[in-house]
Amino acid sequence: MAIMANAGYAAAVVEMAEMEAAAHTLGLNVTKLQVQRPDDIPPTMERLKGRTDALYACAANIAPAGCFHGVGRGRPIDQSSSVAPPGRLSAAT
């Protein structure tokens, strides 16, 4: 499991630590990813390819709502590109 957070946003750093503790409780291996600006997201996602089965994106004060779904510097990220989140977790069962 990968956990991504804005390293400059205190609430996201706390959330990352909480999610890491919860994941370890469940026996999951965790890769922590810290980003600081929208342009950090695509290369971070590229590094994840083939290395994790799930991505949890912490609450972010980094870009407008939906930044992990296609917003970066005011231009949409090509949703058809080969760089895509490896998976999503949902609280719903």
C-alpha atoms as a PDB file:
ATOM      1  CA  MET A   1       0.000   0.000   0.000  1.00  0.00           C
ATOM      2  CA  ALA A   2       1.219   3.497  -0.812  1.00  0.00           C
ATOM      3  CA  ILE A   3       0.223   6.587   1.154  1.00  0.00           C
ATOM      4  CA  MET A   4       0.650   9.982  -0.530  1.00  0.00           C
ATOM      5  CA  ALA A   5       0.570  13.283   1.361  1.00  0.00           C
ATOM      6  CA  ASN A   6       1.539  16.914   1.001  1.00  0.00           C
ATOM      7  CA  ALA A   7       4.658  17.125   3.181  1.00  0.00           C
ATOM      8  CA  GLY A   8       4.051  20.831   3.768  1.00  0.00           C
ATOM      9  CA  TYR A   9       0.525  20.386   5.149  1.00  0.00           C
ATOM     10  CA  ALA A  10       0.568  19.373   8.825  1.00  0.00           C
ATOM     11  CA  ALA A  11      -2.871  17.725   8.774  1.00  0.00           C
ATOM     12  CA  ALA A  12      -1.842  15.486   5.873  1.00  0.00           C
ATOM     13  CA  VAL A  13       1.381  14.472   7.642  1.00  0.00           C
ATOM     14  CA  VAL A  14      -0.641  13.482  10.733  1.00  0.00           C
ATOM     15  CA  GLU A  15      -3.134  11.593   8.546  1.00  0.00           C
ATOM     16  CA  MET A  16      -0.253   9.774   6.834  1.00  0.00           C
ATOM     17  CA  ALA A  17       1.119   8.623  10.206  1.00  0.00           C
ATOM     18  CA  GLU A  18      -2.331   7.428  11.297  1.00  0.00           C
ATOM     19  CA  MET A  19      -2.893   5.534   8.043  1.00  0.00           C
ATOM     20  CA  GLU A  20       0.565   3.972   8.259  1.00  0.00           C
ATOM     21  CA  ALA A  21      -0.167   2.741  11.796  1.00  0.00           C
ATOM     22  CA  ALA A  22      -3.539   1.323  10.685  1.00  0.00           C
ATOM     23  CA  ALA A  23      -1.969  -0.402   7.670  1.00  0.00           C
ATOM     24  CA  HIS A  24       0.736  -1.993   9.831  1.00  0.00           C
ATOM     25  CA  THR A  25      -1.984  -3.214  12.216  1.00  0.00           C
ATOM     26  CA  LEU A  26      -3.500  -5.024   9.235  1.00  0.00           C
ATOM     27  CA  GLY A  27      -0.121  -6.460   8.262  1.00  0.00           C
ATOM     28  CA  LEU A  28       0.257  -4.283   5.162  1.00  0.00           C
ATOM     29  CA  ASN A  29       3.594  -3.045   3.855  1.00  0.00           C
ATOM     30  CA  VAL A  30       3.571   0.730   3.400  1.00  0.00           C
ATOM     31  CA  THR A  31       5.375   3.032   0.992  1.00  0.00           C
ATOM     32  CA  LYS A  32       5.148   6.674   2.075  1.00  0.00           C
ATOM     33  CA  LEU A  33       5.154   9.297  -0.668  1.00  0.00           C
ATOM     34  CA  GLN A  34       5.507  12.982   0.113  1.00  0.00           C
ATOM     35  CA  VAL A  35       4.661  15.615  -2.475  1.00  0.00           C
ATOM     36  CA  GLN A  36       4.726  19.384  -2.125  1.00  0.00           C
ATOM     37  CA  ARG A  37       3.176  20.711  -5.320  1.00  0.00           C
ATOM     38  CA  PRO A  38       0.891  19.451  -8.083  1.00  0.00           C
ATOM     39  CA  ASP A  39       3.820  18.879 -10.468  1.00  0.00           C
ATOM     40  CA  ASP A  40       5.221  16.303  -8.012  1.00  0.00           C
ATOM     41  CA  ILE A  41       2.213  14.008  -8.469  1.00  0.00           C
ATOM     42  CA  PRO A  42       2.764  12.569 -12.001  1.00  0.00           C
ATOM     43  CA  PRO A  43       6.411  11.522 -11.433  1.00  0.00           C
ATOM     44  CA  THR A  44       5.457  10.097  -8.042  1.00  0.00           C
ATOM     45  CA  MET A  45       2.712   8.038  -9.665  1.00  0.00           C
ATOM     46  CA  GLU A  46       5.174   6.872 -12.326  1.00  0.00           C
ATOM     47  CA  ARG A  47       7.547   5.569  -9.624  1.00  0.00           C
ATOM     48  CA  LEU A  48       4.672   3.526  -8.155  1.00  0.00           C
ATOM     49  CA  LYS A  49       3.979   1.544 -11.310  1.00  0.00           C
ATOM     50  CA  GLY A  50       4.181  -2.151 -10.520  1.00  0.00           C
ATOM     51  CA  ARG A  51       5.237  -1.540  -6.907  1.00  0.00           C
ATOM     52  CA  THR A  52       1.953  -1.301  -5.000  1.00  0.00           C
ATOM     53  CA  ASP A  53      -1.597  -2.573  -5.099  1.00  0.00           C
ATOM     54  CA  ALA A  54      -3.325   0.403  -3.474  1.00  0.00           C
ATOM     55  CA  LEU A  55      -2.921   4.158  -3.044  1.00  0.00           C
ATOM     56  CA  TYR A  56      -4.342   6.261  -0.229  1.00  0.00           C
ATOM     57  CA  ALA A  57      -4.130  10.003  -0.908  1.00  0.00           C
ATOM     58  CA  CYS A  58      -4.295  12.035   2.297  1.00  0.00           C
ATOM     59  CA  ALA A  59      -6.320  15.227   2.529  1.00  0.00           C
ATOM     60  CA  ALA A  60      -4.285  17.737   0.590  1.00  0.00           C
ATOM     61  CA  ASN A  61      -3.869  21.473   0.690  1.00  0.00           C
ATOM     62  CA  ILE A  62      -1.924  21.328  -2.557  1.00  0.00           C
ATOM     63  CA  ALA A  63      -4.289  22.064  -5.434  1.00  0.00           C
ATOM     64  CA  PRO A  64      -7.984  22.512  -6.172  1.00  0.00           C
ATOM     65  CA  ALA A  65     -10.319  19.644  -5.295  1.00  0.00           C
ATOM     66  CA  GLY A  66      -9.710  16.641  -7.500  1.00  0.00           C
ATOM     67  CA  CYS A  67      -5.978  17.185  -7.902  1.00  0.00           C
ATOM     68  CA  PHE A  68      -5.422  13.429  -7.797  1.00  0.00           C
ATOM     69  CA  HIS A  69      -7.966  13.014 -10.579  1.00  0.00           C
ATOM     70  CA  GLY A  70      -6.617  15.311 -13.257  1.00  0.00           C
ATOM     71  CA  VAL A  71      -5.823  18.866 -12.134  1.00  0.00           C
ATOM     72  CA  GLY A  72      -2.312  20.194 -12.378  1.00  0.00           C
ATOM     73  CA  ARG A  73      -1.215  23.783 -12.958  1.00  0.00           C
ATOM     74  CA  GLY A  74      -4.574  24.646 -14.449  1.00  0.00           C
ATOM     75  CA  ARG A  75      -4.335  22.012 -17.178  1.00  0.00           C
ATOM     76  CA  PRO A  76      -5.926  18.579 -17.136  1.00  0.00           C
ATOM     77  CA  ILE A  77      -3.693  15.554 -16.868  1.00  0.00           C
ATOM     78  CA  ASP A  78      -4.279  13.143 -19.743  1.00  0.00           C
ATOM     79  CA  GLN A  79      -6.504  10.480 -18.183  1.00  0.00           C
ATOM     80  CA  SER A  80      -5.571   8.054 -20.969  1.00  0.00           C
ATOM     81  CA  SER A  81      -1.880   8.164 -20.089  1.00  0.00           C
ATOM     82  CA  SER A  82      -0.156   5.098 -18.754  1.00  0.00           C
ATOM     83  CA  VAL A  83       0.392   6.853 -15.409  1.00  0.00           C
ATOM     84  CA  ALA A  84      -2.615   6.101 -13.254  1.00  0.00           C
ATOM     85  CA  PRO A  85      -3.227   5.361  -9.589  1.00  0.00           C
ATOM     86  CA  PRO A  86      -2.564   1.670  -8.958  1.00  0.00           C
ATOM     87  CA  GLY A  87      -5.775   1.335  -6.966  1.00  0.00           C
ATOM     88  CA  ARG A  88      -8.083   2.989  -4.496  1.00  0.00           C
ATOM     89  CA  LEU A  89      -9.269   2.011  -1.060  1.00  0.00           C
ATOM     90  CA  SER A  90     -12.806   2.673   0.030  1.00  0.00           C
ATOM     91  CA  ALA A  91     -14.266   2.847   3.505  1.00  0.00           C
ATOM     92  CA  ALA A  92     -17.482   1.375   2.123  1.00  0.00           C
ATOM     93  CA  THR A  93     -17.893  -2.368   2.443  1.00  0.00           C
END
